[in-house]
PDB file of N, CA and C in Angstrom:
ATOM      1  N   MET A   1       0.994  -1.348  -0.047  1.00  0.00           N
ATOM      2  CA  MET A   1      -0.122  -0.196   0.056  1.00  0.00           C
ATOM      3  C   MET A   1       0.749   1.168   0.218  1.00  0.00           C
ATOM      4  N   LYS A   2       2.250   1.415   0.702  1.00  0.00           N
ATOM      5  CA  LYS A   2       2.910   2.464   0.956  1.00  0.00           C
ATOM      6  C   LYS A   2       3.373   2.856  -0.412  1.00  0.00           C
ATOM      7  N   ARG A   3       3.881   1.664  -1.414  1.00  0.00           N
ATOM      8  CA  ARG A   3       4.059   1.568  -2.589  1.00  0.00           C
ATOM      9  C   ARG A   3       3.342   2.599  -3.647  1.00  0.00           C
ATOM     10  N   ILE A   4       2.197   2.542  -3.498  1.00  0.00           N
ATOM     11  CA  ILE A   4       1.105   3.016  -4.463  1.00  0.00           C
ATOM     12  C   ILE A   4       1.095   4.643  -3.862  1.00  0.00           C
ATOM     13  N   GLY A   5       1.307   4.590  -2.656  1.00  0.00           N
ATOM     14  CA  GLY A   5       0.948   6.157  -2.139  1.00  0.00           C
ATOM     15  C   GLY A   5       2.165   6.819  -2.813  1.00  0.00           C
ATOM     16  N   ILE A   6       3.477   6.387  -2.675  1.00  0.00           N
ATOM     17  CA  ILE A   6       4.648   7.054  -3.030  1.00  0.00           C
ATOM     18  C   ILE A   6       4.456   7.039  -4.799  1.00  0.00           C
ATOM     19  N   CYS A   7       4.084   6.109  -5.708  1.00  0.00           N
ATOM     20  CA  CYS A   7       3.710   6.167  -6.913  1.00  0.00           C
ATOM     21  C   CYS A   7       2.971   7.359  -7.186  1.00  0.00           C
ATOM     22  N   ILE A   8       1.750   7.624  -6.313  1.00  0.00           N
ATOM     23  CA  ILE A   8       1.107   8.575  -6.522  1.00  0.00           C
ATOM     24  C   ILE A   8       1.502   9.954  -6.462  1.00  0.00           C
ATOM     25  N   VAL A   9       2.236  10.122  -5.347  1.00  0.00           N
ATOM     26  CA  VAL A   9       2.860  11.477  -5.069  1.00  0.00           C
ATOM     27  C   VAL A   9       4.055  11.566  -6.438  1.00  0.00           C
ATOM     28  N   VAL A  10       4.802  10.686  -6.593  1.00  0.00           N
ATOM     29  CA  VAL A  10       5.733  10.717  -7.522  1.00  0.00           C
ATOM     30  C   VAL A  10       4.940  11.405  -9.022  1.00  0.00           C
ATOM     31  N   ILE A  11       4.009  10.686  -9.269  1.00  0.00           N
ATOM     32  CA  ILE A  11       3.114  11.076 -10.883  1.00  0.00           C
ATOM     33  C   ILE A  11       2.715  12.440 -10.637  1.00  0.00           C
ATOM     34  N   ALA A  12       2.395  12.517  -9.423  1.00  0.00           N
ATOM     35  CA  ALA A  12       1.548  13.948  -9.388  1.00  0.00           C
ATOM     36  C   ALA A  12       2.336  15.230  -9.264  1.00  0.00           C
ATOM     37  N   ALA A  13       4.032  14.978  -8.619  1.00  0.00           N
ATOM     38  CA  ALA A  13       5.105  15.923  -8.640  1.00  0.00           C
ATOM     39  C   ALA A  13       5.342  16.154 -10.234  1.00  0.00           C
ATOM     40  N   ILE A  14       5.353  15.057 -11.077  1.00  0.00           N
ATOM     41  CA  ILE A  14       5.748  15.138 -12.479  1.00  0.00           C
ATOM     42  C   ILE A  14       4.748  16.130 -13.118  1.00  0.00           C
ATOM     43  N   ALA A  15       3.544  15.668 -12.809  1.00  0.00           N
ATOM     44  CA  ALA A  15       2.699  16.714 -13.658  1.00  0.00           C
ATOM     45  C   ALA A  15       2.351  17.906 -13.106  1.00  0.00           C
ATOM     46  N   VAL A  16       2.767  18.399 -11.792  1.00  0.00           N
ATOM     47  CA  VAL A  16       2.538  19.472 -11.942  1.00  0.00           C
ATOM     48  C   VAL A  16       3.870  20.257 -12.362  1.00  0.00           C
ATOM     49  N   ALA A  17       4.957  19.779 -12.280  1.00  0.00           N
ATOM     50  CA  ALA A  17       6.386  20.202 -13.058  1.00  0.00           C
ATOM     51  C   ALA A  17       6.039  20.377 -14.273  1.00  0.00           C
ATOM     52  N   GLY A  18       5.301  19.700 -14.997  1.00  0.00           N
ATOM     53  CA  GLY A  18       4.941  19.704 -16.711  1.00  0.00           C
ATOM     54  C   GLY A  18       4.154  20.699 -16.765  1.00  0.00           C
ATOM     55  N   LEU A  19       3.030  21.116 -15.968  1.00  0.00           N
ATOM     56  CA  LEU A  19       2.126  21.995 -16.004  1.00  0.00           C
ATOM     57  C   LEU A  19       2.962  23.564 -15.906  1.00  0.00           C
ATOM     58  N   ILE A  20       3.707  23.619 -14.794  1.00  0.00           N
ATOM     59  CA  ILE A  20       4.723  24.926 -14.468  1.00  0.00           C
ATOM     60  C   ILE A  20       5.683  24.975 -15.722  1.00  0.00           C
ATOM     61  N   ALA A  21       6.091  24.100 -16.386  1.00  0.00           N
ATOM     62  CA  ALA A  21       6.818  24.103 -17.686  1.00  0.00           C
ATOM     63  C   ALA A  21       6.010  24.664 -18.909  1.00  0.00           C
ATOM     64  N   LEU A  22       4.896  24.369 -18.943  1.00  0.00           N
ATOM     65  CA  LEU A  22       3.903  24.979 -20.102  1.00  0.00           C
ATOM     66  C   LEU A  22       3.327  26.409 -20.042  1.00  0.00           C
ATOM     67  N   GLN A  23       3.342  26.893 -18.785  1.00  0.00           N
ATOM     68  CA  GLN A  23       2.955  28.181 -18.353  1.00  0.00           C
ATOM     69  C   GLN A  23       3.867  29.024 -18.815  1.00  0.00           C
ATOM     70  N   ASP A  24       5.332  28.580 -19.456  1.00  0.00           N
ATOM     71  CA  ASP A  24       6.110  29.795 -19.776  1.00  0.00           C
ATOM     72  C   ASP A  24       6.057  29.760 -21.220  1.00  0.00           C
ATOM     73  N   GLY A  25       5.306  29.121 -21.921  1.00  0.00           N
ATOM     74  CA  GLY A  25       4.903  29.071 -23.190  1.00  0.00           C
ATOM     75  C   GLY A  25       6.146  28.122 -24.056  1.00  0.00           C
ATOM     76  N   PRO A  26       6.036  28.072 -25.428  1.00  0.00           N
ATOM     77  CA  PRO A  26       7.128  27.714 -25.938  1.00  0.00           C
ATOM     78  C   PRO A  26       8.692  28.341 -26.044  1.00  0.00           C
ATOM     79  N   THR A  27       9.549  27.677 -25.800  1.00  0.00           N
ATOM     80  CA  THR A  27      10.950  28.143 -25.819  1.00  0.00           C
ATOM     81  C   THR A  27      11.517  28.535 -27.392  1.00  0.00           C
ATOM     82  N   VAL A  28      12.147  29.837 -27.456  1.00  0.00           N
ATOM     83  CA  VAL A  28      12.641  29.956 -28.643  1.00  0.00           C
ATOM     84  C   VAL A  28      14.249  29.719 -28.330  1.00  0.00           C
ATOM     85  N   ALA A  29      14.759  28.812 -29.349  1.00  0.00           N
ATOM     86  CA  ALA A  29      16.282  28.634 -29.236  1.00  0.00           C
ATOM     87  C   ALA A  29      16.838  30.077 -29.468  1.00  0.00           C
ATOM     88  N   PRO A  30      18.131  30.477 -28.694  1.00  0.00           N
ATOM     89  CA  PRO A  30      18.930  31.777 -29.051  1.00  0.00           C
ATOM     90  C   PRO A  30      19.200  32.104 -30.333  1.00  0.00           C
ATOM     91  N   SER A  31      19.285  30.940 -31.285  1.00  0.00           N
ATOM     92  CA  SER A  31      19.527  31.174 -32.615  1.00  0.00           C
ATOM     93  C   SER A  31      18.243  30.898 -33.600  1.00  0.00           C
ATOM     94  N   GLY A  32      17.075  30.905 -32.879  1.00  0.00           N
ATOM     95  CA  GLY A  32      15.883  30.553 -33.560  1.00  0.00           C
ATOM     96  C   GLY A  32      15.100  31.554 -34.552  1.00  0.00           C
ATOM     97  N   ALA A  33      15.413  32.839 -34.644  1.00  0.00           N
ATOM     98  CA  ALA A  33      14.747  33.668 -35.544  1.00  0.00           C
ATOM     99  C   ALA A  33      15.560  34.510 -35.854  1.00  0.00           C
ATOM    100  N   GLU A  34      14.912  34.986 -37.353  1.00  0.00           N
ATOM    101  CA  GLU A  34      15.749  36.169 -37.836  1.00  0.00           C
ATOM    102  C   GLU A  34      14.979  37.203 -37.328  1.00  0.00           C
ATOM    103  N   ILE A  35      15.421  38.767 -37.365  1.00  0.00           N
ATOM    104  CA  ILE A  35      14.877  39.782 -36.992  1.00  0.00           C
ATOM    105  C   ILE A  35      13.436  39.810 -37.998  1.00  0.00           C
ATOM    106  N   ARG A  36      13.383  39.865 -39.105  1.00  0.00           N
ATOM    107  CA  ARG A  36      12.285  39.685 -39.926  1.00  0.00           C
ATOM    108  C   ARG A  36      11.119  39.162 -39.318  1.00  0.00           C
ATOM    109  N   GLU A  37      11.483  37.718 -39.225  1.00  0.00           N
ATOM    110  CA  GLU A  37      10.497  36.812 -38.371  1.00  0.00           C
ATOM    111  C   GLU A  37      10.121  37.707 -36.957  1.00  0.00           C
ATOM    112  N   VAL A  38      11.192  37.711 -36.203  1.00  0.00           N
ATOM    113  CA  VAL A  38      10.686  38.521 -34.854  1.00  0.00           C
ATOM    114  C   VAL A  38       9.534  39.704 -34.955  1.00  0.00           C
ATOM    115  N   TRP A  39       9.761  40.783 -35.971  1.00  0.00           N
ATOM    116  CA  TRP A  39       9.040  41.672 -36.298  1.00  0.00           C
ATOM    117  C   TRP A  39       7.583  41.320 -36.747  1.00  0.00           C
ATOM    118  N   GLU A  40       7.439  40.521 -37.556  1.00  0.00           N
ATOM    119  CA  GLU A  40       6.209  39.718 -38.071  1.00  0.00           C
ATOM    120  C   GLU A  40       5.198  39.221 -37.052  1.00  0.00           C
ATOM    121  N   HIS A  41       6.261  38.438 -35.935  1.00  0.00           N
ATOM    122  CA  HIS A  41       5.323  37.923 -34.906  1.00  0.00           C
ATOM    123  C   HIS A  41       5.842  37.852 -33.634  1.00  0.00           C
ATOM    124  N   HIS A  42       5.976  39.436 -33.443  1.00  0.00           N
ATOM    125  CA  HIS A  42       6.570  39.635 -32.178  1.00  0.00           C
ATOM    126  C   HIS A  42       5.704  39.484 -30.990  1.00  0.00           C
ATOM    127  N   GLU A  43       4.526  39.170 -30.855  1.00  0.00           N
ATOM    128  CA  GLU A  43       3.934  38.710 -29.670  1.00  0.00           C
ATOM    129  C   GLU A  43       4.708  36.734 -29.489  1.00  0.00           C
ATOM    130  N   LEU A  44       4.993  36.276 -30.457  1.00  0.00           N
ATOM    131  CA  LEU A  44       5.319  34.931 -29.743  1.00  0.00           C
ATOM    132  C   LEU A  44       6.928  35.119 -29.248  1.00  0.00           C
ATOM    133  N   TYR A  45       7.442  35.841 -29.459  1.00  0.00           N
ATOM    134  CA  TYR A  45       8.906  36.371 -28.926  1.00  0.00           C
ATOM    135  C   TYR A  45       8.914  36.888 -27.814  1.00  0.00           C
ATOM    136  N   GLU A  46       7.931  37.974 -27.408  1.00  0.00           N
ATOM    137  CA  GLU A  46       8.023  38.831 -26.182  1.00  0.00           C
ATOM    138  C   GLU A  46       8.571  37.829 -25.046  1.00  0.00           C
ATOM    139  N   GLY A  47       9.354  38.458 -24.266  1.00  0.00           N
ATOM    140  CA  GLY A  47       9.902  37.780 -23.144  1.00  0.00           C
ATOM    141  C   GLY A  47      10.698  36.860 -23.139  1.00  0.00           C
ATOM    142  N   LYS A  48      11.024  36.292 -24.472  1.00  0.00           N
ATOM    143  CA  LYS A  48      11.846  35.048 -24.622  1.00  0.00           C
ATOM    144  C   LYS A  48      13.165  35.327 -24.870  1.00  0.00           C
ATOM    145  N   SER A  49      13.951  34.533 -24.896  1.00  0.00           N
ATOM    146  CA  SER A  49      15.801  34.939 -24.836  1.00  0.00           C
ATOM    147  C   SER A  49      15.895  34.492 -26.465  1.00  0.00           C
ATOM    148  N   LEU A  50      16.624  35.633 -27.013  1.00  0.00           N
ATOM    149  CA  LEU A  50      16.940  35.247 -28.586  1.00  0.00           C
ATOM    150  C   LEU A  50      18.337  35.854 -28.945  1.00  0.00           C
ATOM    151  N   ARG A  51      18.566  35.216 -30.126  1.00  0.00           N
ATOM    152  CA  ARG A  51      19.927  35.542 -30.431  1.00  0.00           C
ATOM    153  C   ARG A  51      19.813  36.233 -31.540  1.00  0.00           C
ATOM    154  N   VAL A  52      20.122  37.380 -32.268  1.00  0.00           N
ATOM    155  CA  VAL A  52      19.850  37.715 -33.472  1.00  0.00           C
ATOM    156  C   VAL A  52      21.343  38.452 -33.940  1.00  0.00           C
ATOM    157  N   SER A  53      21.654  38.450 -35.365  1.00  0.00           N
ATOM    158  CA  SER A  53      22.590  38.964 -35.772  1.00  0.00           C
ATOM    159  C   SER A  53      22.184  39.937 -36.984  1.00  0.00           C
ATOM    160  N   GLY A  54      23.115  40.960 -37.164  1.00  0.00           N
ATOM    161  CA  GLY A  54      23.151  41.428 -38.147  1.00  0.00           C
ATOM    162  C   GLY A  54      24.298  42.954 -37.728  1.00  0.00           C
ATOM    163  N   THR A  55      23.847  44.075 -38.843  1.00  0.00           N
ATOM    164  CA  THR A  55      24.576  45.294 -38.267  1.00  0.00           C
ATOM    165  C   THR A  55      24.282  46.321 -37.265  1.00  0.00           C
ATOM    166  N   LEU A  56      25.275  46.507 -36.453  1.00  0.00           N
ATOM    167  CA  LEU A  56      25.008  47.302 -35.266  1.00  0.00           C
ATOM    168  C   LEU A  56      24.883  48.614 -35.653  1.00  0.00           C
ATOM    169  N   ARG A  57      23.843  49.575 -35.745  1.00  0.00           N
ATOM    170  CA  ARG A  57      23.709  51.015 -36.058  1.00  0.00           C
ATOM    171  C   ARG A  57      23.209  51.948 -34.961  1.00  0.00           C
ATOM    172  N   ARG A  58      23.950  53.053 -35.452  1.00  0.00           N
ATOM    173  CA  ARG A  58      23.147  54.240 -34.232  1.00  0.00           C
ATOM    174  C   ARG A  58      21.940  54.538 -35.203  1.00  0.00           C
ATOM    175  N   PHE A  59      20.782  54.744 -34.408  1.00  0.00           N
ATOM    176  CA  PHE A  59      19.351  55.164 -35.210  1.00  0.00           C
ATOM    177  C   PHE A  59      18.854  56.322 -34.508  1.00  0.00           C
ATOM    178  N   LEU A  60      18.638  57.208 -35.400  1.00  0.00           N
ATOM    179  CA  LEU A  60      17.790  58.630 -34.854  1.00  0.00           C
ATOM    180  C   LEU A  60      19.406  59.345 -34.384  1.00  0.00           C
ATOM    181  N   GLU A  61      20.216  59.116 -34.417  1.00  0.00           N
ATOM    182  CA  GLU A  61      21.348  59.809 -34.186  1.00  0.00           C
ATOM    183  C   GLU A  61      21.532  61.507 -34.465  1.00  0.00           C
ATOM    184  N   GLY A  62      21.663  61.756 -33.149  1.00  0.00           N
ATOM    185  CA  GLY A  62      21.734  63.292 -32.658  1.00  0.00           C
ATOM    186  C   GLY A  62      20.250  63.626 -32.442  1.00  0.00           C
ATOM    187  N   GLN A  63      19.443  62.969 -32.265  1.00  0.00           N
ATOM    188  CA  GLN A  63      18.376  63.282 -31.578  1.00  0.00           C
ATOM    189  C   GLN A  63      17.932  62.667 -30.072  1.00  0.00           C
ATOM    190  N   PRO A  64      17.013  63.294 -29.578  1.00  0.00           N
ATOM    191  CA  PRO A  64      16.770  62.762 -27.902  1.00  0.00           C
ATOM    192  C   PRO A  64      16.624  61.269 -27.950  1.00  0.00           C
ATOM    193  N   LYS A  65      15.820  60.660 -28.747  1.00  0.00           N
ATOM    194  CA  LYS A  65      15.632  59.286 -28.814  1.00  0.00           C
ATOM    195  C   LYS A  65      16.704  58.208 -29.338  1.00  0.00           C
ATOM    196  N   GLU A  66      18.220  59.014 -29.465  1.00  0.00           N
ATOM    197  CA  GLU A  66      19.136  58.183 -30.437  1.00  0.00           C
ATOM    198  C   GLU A  66      19.111  56.665 -29.438  1.00  0.00           C
ATOM    199  N   HIS A  67      19.481  55.823 -30.389  1.00  0.00           N
ATOM    200  CA  HIS A  67      19.744  54.600 -29.628  1.00  0.00           C
ATOM    201  C   HIS A  67      20.468  53.686 -30.841  1.00  0.00           C
ATOM    202  N   PHE A  68      20.889  52.241 -30.435  1.00  0.00           N
ATOM    203  CA  PHE A  68      21.353  51.231 -31.225  1.00  0.00           C
ATOM    204  C   PHE A  68      20.490  50.360 -31.849  1.00  0.00           C
ATOM    205  N   VAL A  69      20.527  49.730 -32.902  1.00  0.00           N
ATOM    206  CA  VAL A  69      19.770  48.870 -33.356  1.00  0.00           C
ATOM    207  C   VAL A  69      20.670  47.975 -34.015  1.00  0.00           C
ATOM    208  N   VAL A  70      20.118  46.579 -34.171  1.00  0.00           N
ATOM    209  CA  VAL A  70      20.963  45.742 -34.963  1.00  0.00           C
ATOM    210  C   VAL A  70      19.957  45.360 -36.241  1.00  0.00           C
ATOM    211  N   GLU A  71      20.358  45.616 -37.219  1.00  0.00           N
ATOM    212  CA  GLU A  71      19.992  45.933 -38.439  1.00  0.00           C
ATOM    213  C   GLU A  71      20.402  44.516 -39.547  1.00  0.00           C
ATOM    214  N   SER A  72      19.205  43.525 -40.023  1.00  0.00           N
ATOM    215  CA  SER A  72      19.076  42.711 -40.840  1.00  0.00           C
ATOM    216  C   SER A  72      19.539  43.106 -42.117  1.00  0.00           C
ATOM    217  N   ALA A  73      20.024  42.117 -43.016  1.00  0.00           N
ATOM    218  CA  ALA A  73      20.401  42.551 -44.266  1.00  0.00           C
ATOM    219  C   ALA A  73      19.394  43.237 -45.306  1.00  0.00           C
ATOM    220  N   ASP A  74      17.977  42.486 -44.869  1.00  0.00           N
ATOM    221  CA  ASP A  74      16.645  43.285 -45.514  1.00  0.00           C
ATOM    222  C   ASP A  74      16.067  44.327 -44.998  1.00  0.00           C
ATOM    223  N   GLY A  75      16.766  44.970 -44.002  1.00  0.00           N
ATOM    224  CA  GLY A  75      16.256  46.346 -43.323  1.00  0.00           C
ATOM    225  C   GLY A  75      15.506  46.229 -42.097  1.00  0.00           C
ATOM    226  N   TYR A  76      15.389  45.138 -41.555  1.00  0.00           N
ATOM    227  CA  TYR A  76      14.671  44.936 -40.264  1.00  0.00           C
ATOM    228  C   TYR A  76      15.400  45.246 -39.308  1.00  0.00           C
ATOM    229  N   ARG A  77      14.899  46.183 -38.334  1.00  0.00           N
ATOM    230  CA  ARG A  77      15.584  46.437 -37.139  1.00  0.00           C
ATOM    231  C   ARG A  77      15.163  46.082 -36.115  1.00  0.00           C
ATOM    232  N   ILE A  78      16.222  45.872 -34.814  1.00  0.00           N
ATOM    233  CA  ILE A  78      15.724  45.762 -33.174  1.00  0.00           C
ATOM    234  C   ILE A  78      16.617  46.211 -32.545  1.00  0.00           C
ATOM    235  N   GLY A  79      15.732  47.225 -31.720  1.00  0.00           N
ATOM    236  CA  GLY A  79      16.488  47.970 -31.048  1.00  0.00           C
ATOM    237  C   GLY A  79      17.354  47.228 -29.708  1.00  0.00           C
ATOM    238  N   VAL A  80      18.410  47.713 -29.538  1.00  0.00           N
ATOM    239  CA  VAL A  80      19.551  47.205 -28.705  1.00  0.00           C
ATOM    240  C   VAL A  80      19.756  47.876 -27.052  1.00  0.00           C
ATOM    241  N   GLU A  81      19.682  47.486 -26.126  1.00  0.00           N
ATOM    242  CA  GLU A  81      19.703  48.169 -24.897  1.00  0.00           C
ATOM    243  C   GLU A  81      20.814  47.270 -24.333  1.00  0.00           C
ATOM    244  N   ALA A  82      22.215  47.993 -23.963  1.00  0.00           N
ATOM    245  CA  ALA A  82      23.365  47.382 -23.633  1.00  0.00           C
ATOM    246  C   ALA A  82      24.247  48.820 -23.275  1.00  0.00           C
ATOM    247  N   GLU A  83      25.172  48.252 -22.558  1.00  0.00           N
ATOM    248  CA  GLU A  83      26.120  49.376 -22.527  1.00  0.00           C
ATOM    249  C   GLU A  83      27.541  49.114 -23.176  1.00  0.00           C
ATOM    250  N   GLY A  84      28.246  50.331 -23.704  1.00  0.00           N
ATOM    251  CA  GLY A  84      29.464  49.985 -24.353  1.00  0.00           C
ATOM    252  C   GLY A  84      29.176  49.566 -25.999  1.00  0.00           C
ATOM    253  N   LEU A  85      28.370  49.886 -26.763  1.00  0.00           N
ATOM    254  CA  LEU A  85      28.124  49.883 -28.093  1.00  0.00           C
ATOM    255  C   LEU A  85      28.712  50.561 -28.934  1.00  0.00           C
ATOM    256  N   GLU A  86      29.452  51.832 -28.292  1.00  0.00           N
ATOM    257  CA  GLU A  86      29.781  52.681 -29.596  1.00  0.00           C
ATOM    258  C   GLU A  86      30.892  52.127 -30.105  1.00  0.00           C
ATOM    259  N   GLY A  87      31.706  51.242 -29.361  1.00  0.00           N
ATOM    260  CA  GLY A  87      32.894  50.743 -30.444  1.00  0.00           C
ATOM    261  C   GLY A  87      32.748  49.856 -31.276  1.00  0.00           C
ATOM    262  N   LEU A  88      31.430  49.269 -31.163  1.00  0.00           N
ATOM    263  CA  LEU A  88      30.951  48.376 -32.294  1.00  0.00           C
ATOM    264  C   LEU A  88      30.115  48.937 -33.179  1.00  0.00           C
ATOM    265  N   ASP A  89      29.700  50.227 -33.129  1.00  0.00           N
ATOM    266  CA  ASP A  89      29.104  50.828 -34.403  1.00  0.00           C
ATOM    267  C   ASP A  89      29.266  50.661 -35.869  1.00  0.00           C
ATOM    268  N   GLY A  90      28.675  49.873 -36.592  1.00  0.00           N
ATOM    269  CA  GLY A  90      28.787  49.527 -37.855  1.00  0.00           C
ATOM    270  C   GLY A  90      29.542  48.011 -38.386  1.00  0.00           C
ATOM    271  N   ALA A  91      29.698  47.566 -36.816  1.00  0.00           N
ATOM    272  CA  ALA A  91      30.010  46.348 -37.187  1.00  0.00           C
ATOM    273  C   ALA A  91      28.968  45.342 -37.437  1.00  0.00           C
ATOM    274  N   GLN A  92      29.373  44.070 -37.520  1.00  0.00           N
ATOM    275  CA  GLN A  92      28.411  42.714 -37.692  1.00  0.00           C
ATOM    276  C   GLN A  92      28.781  42.123 -36.432  1.00  0.00           C
ATOM    277  N   VAL A  93      27.609  42.455 -35.637  1.00  0.00           N
ATOM    278  CA  VAL A  93      27.521  41.475 -34.536  1.00  0.00           C
ATOM    279  C   VAL A  93      26.303  40.299 -34.147  1.00  0.00           C
ATOM    280  N   ALA A  94      26.548  39.934 -33.199  1.00  0.00           N
ATOM    281  CA  ALA A  94      25.341  38.992 -32.597  1.00  0.00           C
ATOM    282  C   ALA A  94      24.958  39.282 -30.888  1.00  0.00           C
ATOM    283  N   ALA A  95      23.710  39.551 -31.183  1.00  0.00           N
ATOM    284  CA  ALA A  95      23.423  39.986 -29.899  1.00  0.00           C
ATOM    285  C   ALA A  95      22.539  38.869 -29.292  1.00  0.00           C
ATOM    286  N   GLU A  96      22.589  38.904 -27.997  1.00  0.00           N
ATOM    287  CA  GLU A  96      21.661  37.740 -27.221  1.00  0.00           C
ATOM    288  C   GLU A  96      21.084  38.398 -25.785  1.00  0.00           C
ATOM    289  N   GLY A  97      19.463  38.537 -25.860  1.00  0.00           N
ATOM    290  CA  GLY A  97      18.730  38.743 -24.943  1.00  0.00           C
ATOM    291  C   GLY A  97      17.397  38.690 -24.483  1.00  0.00           C
ATOM    292  N   ARG A  98      16.591  39.529 -23.896  1.00  0.00           N
ATOM    293  CA  ARG A  98      15.312  39.205 -23.979  1.00  0.00           C
ATOM    294  C   ARG A  98      14.838  40.218 -24.553  1.00  0.00           C
ATOM    295  N   VAL A  99      13.520  39.593 -25.353  1.00  0.00           N
ATOM    296  CA  VAL A  99      12.849  40.573 -26.385  1.00  0.00           C
ATOM    297  C   VAL A  99      11.490  41.160 -25.538  1.00  0.00           C
ATOM    298  N   THR A 100      11.389  42.402 -25.918  1.00  0.00           N
ATOM    299  CA  THR A 100      10.154  43.278 -25.577  1.00  0.00           C
ATOM    300  C   THR A 100       9.810  44.555 -26.604  1.00  0.00           C
ATOM    301  N   PHE A 101       8.509  44.546 -26.372  1.00  0.00           N
ATOM    302  CA  PHE A 101       7.816  44.941 -27.567  1.00  0.00           C
ATOM    303  C   PHE A 101       6.681  45.915 -26.834  1.00  0.00           C
ATOM    304  N   ASP A 102       6.677  47.226 -27.162  1.00  0.00           N
ATOM    305  CA  ASP A 102       5.435  47.983 -26.888  1.00  0.00           C
ATOM    306  C   ASP A 102       5.611  49.240 -28.052  1.00  0.00           C
ATOM    307  N   GLU A 103       4.192  49.847 -27.667  1.00  0.00           N
ATOM    308  CA  GLU A 103       3.772  50.835 -29.064  1.00  0.00           C
ATOM    309  C   GLU A 103       5.032  51.977 -28.954  1.00  0.00           C
ATOM    310  N   GLU A 104       5.315  52.322 -28.034  1.00  0.00           N
ATOM    311  CA  GLU A 104       6.039  53.661 -27.686  1.00  0.00           C
ATOM    312  C   GLU A 104       7.633  53.323 -28.229  1.00  0.00           C
ATOM    313  N   SER A 105       8.083  52.351 -27.633  1.00  0.00           N
ATOM    314  CA  SER A 105       9.558  51.774 -27.931  1.00  0.00           C
ATOM    315  C   SER A 105       9.725  51.165 -29.328  1.00  0.00           C
ATOM    316  N   GLY A 106       9.008  50.418 -29.424  1.00  0.00           N
ATOM    317  CA  GLY A 106       8.869  49.179 -30.859  1.00  0.00           C
ATOM    318  C   GLY A 106       9.808  48.129 -30.367  1.00  0.00           C
ATOM    319  N   LEU A 107      10.214  47.293 -31.098  1.00  0.00           N
ATOM    320  CA  LEU A 107      10.712  46.066 -30.777  1.00  0.00           C
ATOM    321  C   LEU A 107      12.195  46.312 -30.073  1.00  0.00           C
ATOM    322  N   ARG A 108      12.377  45.860 -28.856  1.00  0.00           N
ATOM    323  CA  ARG A 108      13.777  45.614 -28.391  1.00  0.00           C
ATOM    324  C   ARG A 108      14.263  44.818 -27.682  1.00  0.00           C
ATOM    325  N   LEU A 109      15.738  44.545 -27.688  1.00  0.00           N
ATOM    326  CA  LEU A 109      16.315  43.353 -27.204  1.00  0.00           C
ATOM    327  C   LEU A 109      17.238  43.879 -25.969  1.00  0.00           C
ATOM    328  N   ALA A 110      16.667  43.336 -24.782  1.00  0.00           N
ATOM    329  CA  ALA A 110      17.658  43.781 -23.805  1.00  0.00           C
ATOM    330  C   ALA A 110      18.547  42.898 -23.594  1.00  0.00           C
ATOM    331  N   ALA A 111      20.095  43.355 -24.395  1.00  0.00           N
ATOM    332  CA  ALA A 111      20.956  42.399 -24.452  1.00  0.00           C
ATOM    333  C   ALA A 111      21.870  41.923 -23.404  1.00  0.00           C
ATOM    334  N   ALA A 112      21.840  40.831 -23.048  1.00  0.00           N
ATOM    335  CA  ALA A 112      22.743  40.211 -22.091  1.00  0.00           C
ATOM    336  C   ALA A 112      24.275  39.975 -22.643  1.00  0.00           C
ATOM    337  N   SER A 113      24.456  40.134 -24.054  1.00  0.00           N
ATOM    338  CA  SER A 113      25.632  40.152 -24.462  1.00  0.00           C
ATOM    339  C   SER A 113      25.491  40.602 -25.905  1.00  0.00           C
ATOM    340  N   VAL A 114      26.600  41.427 -26.529  1.00  0.00           N
ATOM    341  CA  VAL A 114      26.677  42.132 -27.736  1.00  0.00           C
ATOM    342  C   VAL A 114      28.211  41.824 -28.198  1.00  0.00           C
ATOM    343  N   ALA A 115      28.325  40.844 -29.280  1.00  0.00           N
ATOM    344  CA  ALA A 115      29.746  40.662 -29.909  1.00  0.00           C
ATOM    345  C   ALA A 115      29.745  40.815 -31.270  1.00  0.00           C
ATOM    346  N   ALA A 116      31.319  41.122 -31.448  1.00  0.00           N
ATOM    347  CA  ALA A 116      31.633  41.460 -32.845  1.00  0.00           C
ATOM    348  C   ALA A 116      31.641  39.951 -33.470  1.00  0.00           C
ATOM    349  N   LEU A 117      31.300  39.889 -35.017  1.00  0.00           N
ATOM    350  CA  LEU A 117      31.455  38.401 -35.454  1.00  0.00           C
ATOM    351  C   LEU A 117      32.461  38.604 -36.461  1.00  0.00           C
TER     352      LEU A 117
END
């Protein structure tokens, strides 16, 4: 009888762990999407960790909302929030971080890392 009780507890724990994992939604591999794909389906990527690559550029240079973006070869951009990007301006980079989107700021990547390729 004790074995049945232990089995029930183990099965219940596995079921709870599975439900918790499903609440986070599908996981996007860090190299799982192009910037264009993220733009077209940003609701699928919001809050997920993502790796993107392209050319790092200053956007809105000299204006109050100046910031850096990673721009794909087809012209799609994602804003990058990270320190020390000035030295990489114009370089091909890979950036990894968490995706956010809002109407005012647009598509952004809170970058954990940005490195020249």
